[in-house]
Amino acid sequence: MQKLSLSIITVVKNDEKNIQKTIKSIISQKNLKYEYIIVDGRSKDNTLKKINKYRKKIDKIISKPDKGIYDAMNRGVKLAKGNVIVFCNSGDFFYKNSLKKVMKLFELYKYDFVFATVLRNYKKGKILKYGYDFKRLNYNFDFATSHSTGFFLKKNIYKRIGLYDLNFKCSADYDMYLRLYRGNFSGGSTKKNDLIGNVASGGYSSKIGFLDHLVEESKIRLKNNQNILFVFIIFLNALLKRIFKS
């Protein structure tokens, strides 16, 4: 059985409160071949000081100004040497020895990607997210677990479909999913009860208003050649649901 290597990337900026929790969850993983990369957006608080406490257990640390989270993520992908890449951004964490379960799926089934079960934290509660259904992408972007802690993708697939599009400030992961979907790559998911990661609430996208999200998601659909009339119907339907819900 071929042994694959994993690149784990943490993107962070000014998060001295949470960065150690994320780092500890990664460096404590056992029976796993991996490299660990931290991409810092030139933090001005004590984030770098706390990162440097674990410098011997981190393979690469870069700290440079960036153009947003997706720019930082792209930098991480370019630096990564592993066969498989996953992001565990500051505030998120992996459960004890969970990553070897994901890597076993890649090795057994020769997958190009895996969506892993995660517990997602929201301001109003927690939701277990597992599996995926690409067909839902045609009309709903809520089709899978998470773009970060629950999404594992082989580096050679990034080379084929491209990196995160910086034209999209809060939803570039959806654009990535659509490209992955159109490429007919092979993938799988962990079982519902195989909890791999925990995704923190908040983050950059949570600071973007509903309408801005909806407009950007519509632009993503148009970029990926969805019918303009169909995109308008999706846009209108989402807007009406929001109005009646509120």
Protein backbone atom coordinates (compact mmCIF):
# COMPACT_ATOMS: atom_id res chain seq x y z
CA MET A 1 0.00 0.00 0.00
CA GLN A 2 1.40 3.40 -0.99
CA LYS A 3 2.15 5.71 1.91
CA LEU A 4 0.97 9.24 1.21
CA SER A 5 2.22 12.34 2.99
CA LEU A 6 -0.01 15.11 4.33
CA SER A 7 0.56 18.86 4.39
CA ILE A 8 -1.37 20.67 7.12
CA ILE A 9 -1.63 24.43 6.68
CA THR A 10 -2.74 26.95 9.29
CA VAL A 11 -3.62 30.47 8.19
CA VAL A 12 -3.67 33.06 10.97
CA LYS A 13 -3.63 36.79 11.61
CA ASN A 14 -3.88 38.48 15.00
CA ASP A 15 -5.35 35.50 16.84
CA GLU A 16 -3.19 35.11 19.92
CA LYS A 17 -6.21 33.76 21.80
CA ASN A 18 -6.74 30.64 19.68
CA ILE A 19 -3.56 29.81 17.77
CA GLN A 20 -2.05 27.51 20.42
CA LYS A 21 -5.17 25.34 20.55
CA THR A 22 -4.89 24.77 16.82
CA ILE A 23 -1.15 24.05 16.88
CA LYS A 24 -1.41 21.60 19.79
CA SER A 25 -4.13 19.59 18.03
CA ILE A 26 -1.84 19.13 15.02
CA ILE A 27 1.52 18.39 16.62
CA SER A 28 -0.10 15.81 18.92
CA GLN A 29 -1.30 13.62 16.00
CA LYS A 30 0.32 10.17 16.17
CA ASN A 31 1.28 7.58 13.53
CA LEU A 32 1.08 10.14 10.75
CA LYS A 33 3.54 11.35 8.14
CA TYR A 34 2.96 15.07 7.72
CA GLU A 35 4.49 18.50 7.35
CA TYR A 36 3.10 21.52 9.16
CA ILE A 37 3.05 24.98 7.63
CA ILE A 38 1.85 28.20 9.27
CA VAL A 39 1.06 31.23 7.11
CA ASP A 40 0.76 34.38 9.21
CA GLY A 41 -0.54 37.64 7.78
CA ARG A 42 2.05 39.74 9.64
CA SER A 43 0.25 39.68 12.97
CA LYS A 44 0.64 42.69 15.24
CA ASP A 45 -0.36 41.00 18.50
CA ASN A 46 1.39 38.09 20.27
CA THR A 47 0.42 35.48 17.68
CA LEU A 48 3.95 35.03 16.31
CA LYS A 49 5.41 34.87 19.80
CA LYS A 50 3.08 31.98 20.61
CA ILE A 51 3.80 30.25 17.29
CA ASN A 52 7.54 30.42 17.95
CA LYS A 53 7.11 28.43 21.17
CA TYR A 54 6.48 25.42 18.90
CA ARG A 55 8.97 26.32 16.16
CA LYS A 56 10.83 22.98 16.40
CA LYS A 57 7.63 21.11 15.58
CA ILE A 58 6.59 23.35 12.68
CA ASP A 59 8.21 22.77 9.30
CA LYS A 60 7.64 26.20 7.77
CA ILE A 61 6.56 29.55 9.18
CA ILE A 62 6.06 32.57 6.96
CA SER A 63 4.80 35.97 8.08
CA LYS A 64 3.96 38.44 5.31
CA PRO A 65 1.13 40.86 4.56
CA ASP A 66 -1.49 39.26 2.33
CA LYS A 67 -4.55 40.19 0.30
CA GLY A 68 -6.93 38.17 2.46
CA ILE A 69 -7.44 34.62 3.69
CA TYR A 70 -7.52 33.03 0.23
CA ASP A 71 -4.24 34.69 -0.75
CA ALA A 72 -2.68 33.22 2.40
CA MET A 73 -4.18 29.82 1.63
CA ASN A 74 -2.73 29.91 -1.88
CA ARG A 75 0.70 30.65 -0.42
CA GLY A 76 0.36 27.59 1.77
CA VAL A 77 -0.58 25.36 -1.17
CA LYS A 78 2.46 26.58 -3.14
CA LEU A 79 4.77 25.76 -0.21
CA ALA A 80 3.25 22.35 0.51
CA LYS A 81 5.22 19.23 -0.42
CA GLY A 82 2.71 16.61 0.74
CA ASN A 83 0.53 14.52 -1.55
CA VAL A 84 -2.60 15.64 0.30
CA ILE A 85 -3.37 19.14 1.62
CA VAL A 86 -5.74 20.23 4.39
CA PHE A 87 -6.25 23.58 6.10
CA CYS A 88 -6.76 23.88 9.83
CA ASN A 89 -6.98 27.61 10.32
CA SER A 90 -6.53 29.36 13.64
CA GLY A 91 -9.35 28.54 16.04
CA ASP A 92 -10.15 25.22 14.37
CA PHE A 93 -8.67 21.97 15.62
CA PHE A 94 -8.40 18.25 14.85
CA TYR A 95 -9.47 15.57 17.28
CA LYS A 96 -6.89 13.20 18.75
CA ASN A 97 -5.28 10.93 16.13
CA SER A 98 -8.13 11.57 13.68
CA LEU A 99 -6.07 12.41 10.59
CA LYS A 100 -4.76 8.90 10.08
CA LYS A 101 -8.37 7.80 9.40
CA VAL A 102 -8.59 10.23 6.49
CA MET A 103 -5.23 9.25 5.05
CA LYS A 104 -6.24 5.60 5.17
CA LEU A 105 -9.17 6.43 2.87
CA PHE A 106 -6.83 8.05 0.35
CA GLU A 107 -4.52 5.04 0.42
CA LEU A 108 -7.25 2.39 0.21
CA TYR A 109 -9.47 3.96 -2.46
CA LYS A 110 -7.03 6.20 -4.38
CA TYR A 111 -9.31 9.19 -3.83
CA ASP A 112 -8.56 12.66 -5.18
CA PHE A 113 -10.44 14.32 -2.31
CA VAL A 114 -12.13 13.50 0.98
CA PHE A 115 -14.76 15.42 2.93
CA ALA A 116 -14.35 14.62 6.62
CA THR A 117 -16.91 14.86 9.39
CA VAL A 118 -16.60 18.05 11.43
CA LEU A 119 -18.45 19.76 14.23
CA ARG A 120 -19.23 23.30 13.08
CA ASN A 121 -19.80 25.96 15.69
CA TYR A 122 -22.26 28.75 15.06
CA LYS A 123 -23.37 31.59 17.30
CA LYS A 124 -26.70 29.82 17.80
CA GLY A 125 -25.34 26.31 18.36
CA LYS A 126 -23.38 23.41 16.89
CA ILE A 127 -24.08 21.24 13.85
CA LEU A 128 -22.44 17.96 12.84
CA LYS A 129 -21.49 18.18 9.15
CA TYR A 130 -20.65 15.01 7.24
CA GLY A 131 -20.54 13.65 3.71
CA TYR A 132 -21.20 15.63 0.56
CA ASP A 133 -23.59 15.79 -2.37
CA PHE A 134 -22.07 17.56 -5.37
CA LYS A 135 -25.42 17.70 -7.17
CA ARG A 136 -26.63 20.19 -4.57
CA LEU A 137 -24.01 22.61 -5.86
CA ASN A 138 -26.29 23.23 -8.82
CA TYR A 139 -28.68 25.15 -6.58
CA ASN A 140 -27.29 25.26 -3.02
CA PHE A 141 -23.74 25.75 -1.77
CA ASP A 142 -24.52 24.06 1.55
CA PHE A 143 -23.53 20.66 0.21
CA ALA A 144 -20.65 19.45 2.36
CA THR A 145 -18.68 19.84 5.57
CA SER A 146 -16.27 22.73 5.45
CA HIS A 147 -13.79 24.35 3.13
CA SER A 148 -11.04 24.11 5.73
CA THR A 149 -10.82 21.50 8.47
CA GLY A 150 -13.10 19.03 6.69
CA PHE A 151 -11.72 19.30 3.16
CA PHE A 152 -8.72 17.20 2.05
CA LEU A 153 -7.49 17.53 -1.54
CA LYS A 154 -4.49 16.08 -3.36
CA LYS A 155 -1.90 18.64 -4.42
CA ASN A 156 -1.85 17.38 -8.00
CA ILE A 157 -5.56 18.29 -8.25
CA TYR A 158 -4.79 21.86 -7.20
CA LYS A 159 -2.31 21.93 -10.08
CA ARG A 160 -5.04 20.79 -12.48
CA ILE A 161 -7.94 23.00 -11.40
CA GLY A 162 -6.05 25.99 -10.02
CA LEU A 163 -5.83 27.82 -6.71
CA TYR A 164 -8.41 29.94 -4.89
CA ASP A 165 -9.65 32.84 -7.03
CA LEU A 166 -8.80 36.11 -5.29
CA ASN A 167 -11.61 37.89 -7.11
CA PHE A 168 -13.93 36.28 -4.56
CA LYS A 169 -13.36 37.69 -1.10
CA CYS A 170 -15.59 35.45 1.02
CA SER A 171 -16.68 32.47 -1.12
CA ALA A 172 -13.68 31.40 -3.19
CA ASP A 173 -14.03 27.93 -1.68
CA TYR A 174 -17.38 27.52 -3.49
CA ASP A 175 -15.69 28.37 -6.76
CA MET A 176 -13.09 25.71 -5.97
CA TYR A 177 -15.82 23.14 -5.28
CA LEU A 178 -17.54 23.86 -8.59
CA ARG A 179 -14.28 23.36 -10.48
CA LEU A 180 -13.70 20.13 -8.59
CA TYR A 181 -17.23 18.98 -9.39
CA ARG A 182 -16.85 19.73 -13.09
CA GLY A 183 -13.58 17.80 -13.20
CA ASN A 184 -15.19 14.44 -12.37
CA PHE A 185 -12.55 13.54 -9.80
CA SER A 186 -12.94 10.63 -7.40
CA GLY A 187 -13.70 11.28 -3.78
CA GLY A 188 -15.24 10.01 -0.60
CA SER A 189 -16.07 10.96 2.95
CA THR A 190 -15.53 9.72 6.46
CA LYS A 191 -18.37 8.01 8.31
CA LYS A 192 -20.77 10.20 10.27
CA ASN A 193 -19.40 9.00 13.59
CA ASP A 194 -15.75 9.49 12.61
CA LEU A 195 -15.41 13.02 13.91
CA ILE A 196 -12.24 14.54 12.46
CA GLY A 197 -12.27 18.24 13.19
CA ASN A 198 -13.91 21.15 14.95
CA VAL A 199 -14.60 24.38 13.06
CA ALA A 200 -14.75 27.58 15.10
CA SER A 201 -17.56 30.09 14.76
CA GLY A 202 -16.87 33.52 13.33
CA GLY A 203 -14.16 34.00 10.75
CA TYR A 204 -13.92 36.43 7.86
CA SER A 205 -16.95 35.22 5.91
CA SER A 206 -19.23 35.71 8.93
CA LYS A 207 -18.45 39.43 8.79
CA ILE A 208 -19.82 39.73 5.26
CA GLY A 209 -23.48 40.70 4.85
CA PHE A 210 -26.07 38.34 3.39
CA LEU A 211 -26.56 40.33 0.18
CA ASP A 212 -22.82 40.61 -0.49
CA HIS A 213 -22.55 36.83 -0.02
CA LEU A 214 -25.43 36.23 -2.40
CA VAL A 215 -24.04 38.55 -5.08
CA GLU A 216 -20.59 36.91 -4.90
CA GLU A 217 -22.08 33.42 -5.05
CA SER A 218 -24.06 34.44 -8.14
CA LYS A 219 -20.86 35.70 -9.78
CA ILE A 220 -19.24 32.34 -9.01
CA ARG A 221 -22.08 30.50 -10.70
CA LEU A 222 -21.82 32.70 -13.79
CA LYS A 223 -18.05 32.24 -13.91
CA ASN A 224 -18.62 28.48 -13.91
CA ASN A 225 -21.02 28.75 -16.86
CA GLN A 226 -24.34 28.20 -15.14
CA ASN A 227 -27.31 29.47 -17.13
CA ILE A 228 -27.90 33.16 -16.36
CA LEU A 229 -31.67 32.68 -16.02
CA PHE A 230 -31.15 29.76 -13.63
CA VAL A 231 -28.70 31.86 -11.58
CA PHE A 232 -31.27 34.68 -11.40
CA ILE A 233 -33.92 32.23 -10.13
CA ILE A 234 -31.53 30.94 -7.44
CA PHE A 235 -30.70 34.53 -6.46
CA LEU A 236 -34.36 35.55 -6.26
CA ASN A 237 -35.36 32.42 -4.35
CA ALA A 238 -32.62 32.95 -1.75
CA LEU A 239 -33.56 36.61 -1.39
CA LEU A 240 -37.25 35.87 -0.89
CA LYS A 241 -36.49 33.15 1.67
CA ARG A 242 -34.38 35.66 3.59
CA ILE A 243 -37.11 38.30 3.50
CA PHE A 244 -39.87 35.96 4.69
CA LYS A 245 -37.62 34.40 7.33
CA SER A 246 -36.88 37.79 8.84
